[in-house]
């Protein structure tokens, strides 16, 4: 029997931070990003509007700058070990994130089978942003179902790992869920809760959920 492990990135694998924060730190545009985040928080900017704003803000962004931001990020320990163990067991792993694909796709180098993220044009940006490529929390459910259907798996063969309200729709959709350093929005609906800096421990909780009879 195979299983599918679905990981969020921002705040989950990337502890206490986000792809956008790490890129902004690298570029020296933290004040501008914080202003956009404040508008997002008060509802005057939605997910697609936020993405359009960072597309405009970071028009000269280069792959080298993204790679530097990715490398400097505060990642949990044990990510590559978890991906390797999942593959060794003949199971599948995926990262689903609303953050930009130009950052998230670096996670493929750690051994994840799939990384699905908001689609941006090639760097540096000369092409317009297609709003249809920007993911929302509801898209996490759709993508997870697409993946498990492709792999021939049931919901009971999936476990999700996340940290915030954006993971809520997926956590309500699946039975096996692990909150990782989560806020109150998610911790209250997760099947298991992990606090710490080692993904192998959160993964151990996920495996225990899969091994528990329904």
Protein backbone atom coordinates (compact mmCIF):
# COMPACT_ATOMS: atom_id res chain seq x y z
CA UNK A 1 0.00 0.00 0.00
CA UNK A 2 1.30 3.45 -0.91
CA UNK A 3 0.64 6.80 0.72
CA UNK A 4 0.88 10.48 -0.20
CA UNK A 5 2.48 13.05 2.12
CA UNK A 6 1.51 16.66 1.35
CA UNK A 7 3.57 19.49 2.83
CA UNK A 8 2.94 23.22 3.03
CA UNK A 9 6.06 25.37 2.64
CA UNK A 10 5.68 28.83 4.24
CA UNK A 11 5.70 28.52 8.03
CA UNK A 12 5.87 24.73 7.82
CA UNK A 13 9.03 23.61 6.04
CA UNK A 14 10.25 27.21 6.09
CA UNK A 15 10.05 27.81 9.82
CA UNK A 16 8.64 31.13 10.95
CA UNK A 17 9.07 32.72 7.55
CA UNK A 18 7.82 32.78 3.98
CA UNK A 19 9.34 32.70 0.53
CA UNK A 20 8.33 36.31 0.00
CA UNK A 21 9.97 37.43 3.23
CA UNK A 22 13.21 35.69 2.33
CA UNK A 23 13.27 37.21 -1.16
CA UNK A 24 12.41 40.66 0.21
CA UNK A 25 15.20 40.33 2.77
CA UNK A 26 17.64 39.45 -0.01
CA UNK A 27 16.51 42.42 -2.14
CA UNK A 28 16.16 44.96 0.65
CA UNK A 29 12.43 45.43 0.05
CA UNK A 30 11.08 44.34 3.44
CA UNK A 31 9.24 47.64 4.12
CA UNK A 32 7.39 47.39 0.80
CA UNK A 33 6.50 43.74 1.44
CA UNK A 34 5.25 44.49 4.95
CA UNK A 35 3.00 47.19 3.51
CA UNK A 36 1.55 44.67 1.05
CA UNK A 37 1.05 42.14 3.84
CA UNK A 38 -0.83 44.72 5.89
CA UNK A 39 -3.19 45.33 2.95
CA UNK A 40 -3.65 41.58 2.54
CA UNK A 41 -4.41 41.20 6.25
CA UNK A 42 -7.06 43.94 6.23
CA UNK A 43 -8.72 42.52 3.13
CA UNK A 44 -7.93 45.32 0.69
CA UNK A 45 -5.66 42.99 -1.31
CA UNK A 46 -6.51 39.41 -2.26
CA UNK A 47 -4.12 36.56 -3.11
CA UNK A 48 -3.96 37.41 -6.80
CA UNK A 49 -3.63 41.12 -6.16
CA UNK A 50 -0.79 40.43 -3.74
CA UNK A 51 1.02 38.32 -6.34
CA UNK A 52 0.55 41.03 -8.97
CA UNK A 53 2.07 43.55 -6.58
CA UNK A 54 5.21 41.50 -5.90
CA UNK A 55 5.52 40.81 -9.62
CA UNK A 56 5.67 44.58 -10.14
CA UNK A 57 7.93 45.15 -7.12
CA UNK A 58 10.51 42.54 -8.11
CA UNK A 59 10.73 43.07 -11.88
CA UNK A 60 14.53 42.78 -11.88
CA UNK A 61 14.66 39.67 -9.67
CA UNK A 62 17.22 37.12 -10.90
CA UNK A 63 17.52 33.34 -10.38
CA UNK A 64 20.77 33.91 -8.47
CA UNK A 65 19.00 36.20 -5.99
CA UNK A 66 16.23 33.65 -5.50
CA UNK A 67 18.77 30.88 -4.94
CA UNK A 68 20.53 33.02 -2.32
CA UNK A 69 17.22 33.74 -0.56
CA UNK A 70 16.32 30.06 -0.61
CA UNK A 71 19.69 28.99 0.80
CA UNK A 72 19.52 31.57 3.60
CA UNK A 73 16.01 30.56 4.68
CA UNK A 74 15.31 29.11 8.16
CA UNK A 75 14.39 25.60 7.01
CA UNK A 76 13.40 22.83 9.40
CA UNK A 77 15.98 20.15 10.00
CA UNK A 78 15.51 16.77 8.37
CA UNK A 79 13.59 17.76 5.23
CA UNK A 80 15.77 15.76 2.84
CA UNK A 81 15.75 12.80 5.24
CA UNK A 82 11.95 12.76 5.28
CA UNK A 83 11.69 12.98 1.49
CA UNK A 84 14.22 10.15 1.16
CA UNK A 85 12.36 7.91 3.62
CA UNK A 86 9.07 8.46 1.80
CA UNK A 87 10.67 7.52 -1.51
CA UNK A 88 12.44 4.51 -0.01
CA UNK A 89 9.07 3.16 1.15
CA UNK A 90 7.64 3.50 -2.35
CA UNK A 91 5.36 6.35 -1.26
CA UNK A 92 4.87 9.84 -2.71
CA UNK A 93 5.64 13.33 -1.42
CA UNK A 94 4.39 16.71 -2.57
CA UNK A 95 4.71 20.35 -1.60
CA UNK A 96 1.67 22.54 -2.32
CA UNK A 97 2.21 26.23 -1.67
CA UNK A 98 0.62 29.49 -2.70
CA UNK A 99 4.07 31.08 -2.83
CA UNK A 100 5.92 31.68 -6.11
CA UNK A 101 7.16 28.71 -8.12
CA UNK A 102 10.50 30.43 -8.79
CA UNK A 103 11.30 29.88 -5.08
CA UNK A 104 9.39 26.69 -4.25
CA UNK A 105 10.75 24.58 -7.11
CA UNK A 106 14.16 24.50 -5.37
CA UNK A 107 12.57 21.95 -3.03
CA UNK A 108 12.66 19.39 -5.83
CA UNK A 109 16.40 19.19 -5.16
CA UNK A 110 15.61 17.78 -1.70
CA UNK A 111 13.77 14.79 -3.15
CA UNK A 112 10.10 15.75 -3.25
CA UNK A 113 8.17 14.11 -6.06
CA UNK A 114 5.98 17.13 -6.77
CA UNK A 115 6.15 20.85 -6.04
CA UNK A 116 3.02 22.79 -6.99
CA UNK A 117 3.13 26.56 -6.50
CA UNK A 118 1.79 29.81 -7.91
CA UNK A 119 3.06 30.23 -11.47
CA UNK A 120 5.11 33.29 -12.33
CA UNK A 121 6.78 34.24 -15.64
CA UNK A 122 10.49 33.47 -16.13
CA UNK A 123 12.97 35.68 -14.26
CA UNK A 124 13.64 38.56 -14.62
CA UNK A 125 10.03 39.49 -15.26
CA UNK A 126 9.37 40.75 -18.77
CA UNK A 127 6.08 38.90 -19.34
CA UNK A 128 2.84 39.77 -17.53
CA UNK A 129 1.55 37.69 -14.63
CA UNK A 130 -1.37 35.40 -15.42
CA UNK A 131 -3.79 35.63 -12.46
CA UNK A 132 -5.13 32.14 -13.26
CA UNK A 133 -1.78 30.68 -12.21
CA UNK A 134 -1.97 32.06 -8.66
CA UNK A 135 -3.12 29.49 -6.10
CA UNK A 136 -5.67 30.01 -3.32
CA UNK A 137 -6.32 27.89 -0.19
CA UNK A 138 -9.15 26.09 -2.00
CA UNK A 139 -6.74 25.08 -4.75
CA UNK A 140 -4.79 23.00 -2.23
CA UNK A 141 -7.78 20.64 -1.97
CA UNK A 142 -8.13 20.40 -5.75
CA UNK A 143 -4.44 19.75 -6.28
CA UNK A 144 -4.29 17.16 -3.49
CA UNK A 145 -7.25 15.31 -5.03
CA UNK A 146 -5.66 15.47 -8.48
CA UNK A 147 -2.45 13.96 -7.11
CA UNK A 148 -4.09 11.16 -5.16
CA UNK A 149 -6.30 10.31 -8.15
CA UNK A 150 -3.23 10.14 -10.37
CA UNK A 151 -1.54 7.83 -7.87
CA UNK A 152 -4.70 5.77 -7.26
CA UNK A 153 -4.95 6.65 -3.56
CA UNK A 154 -7.84 7.31 -1.19
CA UNK A 155 -8.09 10.20 1.27
CA UNK A 156 -7.21 7.71 4.02
CA UNK A 157 -3.85 7.17 2.31
CA UNK A 158 -2.95 10.88 2.48
CA UNK A 159 -1.48 12.95 5.29
CA UNK A 160 -1.11 16.74 5.22
CA UNK A 161 1.38 18.89 7.13
CA UNK A 162 0.69 22.63 7.55
CA UNK A 163 0.76 25.60 9.87
CA UNK A 164 -1.86 28.25 9.15
CA UNK A 165 -5.36 29.20 8.10
CA UNK A 166 -4.47 28.77 4.42
CA UNK A 167 -4.13 25.04 5.13
CA UNK A 168 -7.58 24.90 6.71
CA UNK A 169 -9.53 23.73 3.65
CA UNK A 170 -7.13 20.82 3.10
CA UNK A 171 -7.10 19.91 6.79
CA UNK A 172 -10.89 19.77 6.79
CA UNK A 173 -10.82 17.66 3.65
CA UNK A 174 -8.41 15.00 4.95
CA UNK A 175 -8.52 12.88 8.09
CA UNK A 176 -4.76 12.53 8.63
CA UNK A 177 -3.34 15.98 9.36
CA UNK A 178 -0.33 17.24 11.31
CA UNK A 179 -0.10 20.85 12.50
CA UNK A 180 3.55 21.98 12.42
CA UNK A 181 4.28 24.94 14.70
CA UNK A 182 0.76 25.97 13.78
CA UNK A 183 -1.34 28.98 14.72
CA UNK A 184 -4.63 28.57 16.57
CA UNK A 185 -6.59 28.43 13.32
CA UNK A 186 -5.06 25.09 12.41
CA UNK A 187 -3.97 23.47 15.66
CA UNK A 188 -7.58 23.10 16.75
CA UNK A 189 -8.61 21.05 13.71
CA UNK A 190 -5.46 18.95 13.20
CA UNK A 191 -5.32 15.27 14.13
CA UNK A 192 -1.81 15.75 15.56
CA UNK A 193 0.24 18.73 16.67
CA UNK A 194 4.03 19.15 16.49
CA UNK A 195 6.18 21.94 17.94
CA UNK A 196 9.87 22.05 17.17
CA UNK A 197 12.51 22.37 14.46
CA UNK A 198 12.82 18.77 13.17
CA UNK A 199 10.55 17.63 10.35
CA UNK A 200 11.39 13.99 11.05
CA UNK A 201 9.42 14.25 14.30
CA UNK A 202 6.36 15.73 12.59
CA UNK A 203 6.66 13.05 9.92
CA UNK A 204 6.73 10.38 12.62
CA UNK A 205 3.37 11.68 13.85
CA UNK A 206 2.05 11.54 10.29
CA UNK A 207 3.16 7.94 9.93
CA UNK A 208 1.44 7.03 13.19
CA UNK A 209 -1.82 8.46 11.86
CA UNK A 210 -1.52 6.38 8.69
CA UNK A 211 -0.83 3.28 10.76
CA UNK A 212 -3.85 3.77 13.01
CA UNK A 213 -6.96 1.87 11.83
CA UNK A 214 -9.90 4.11 10.95
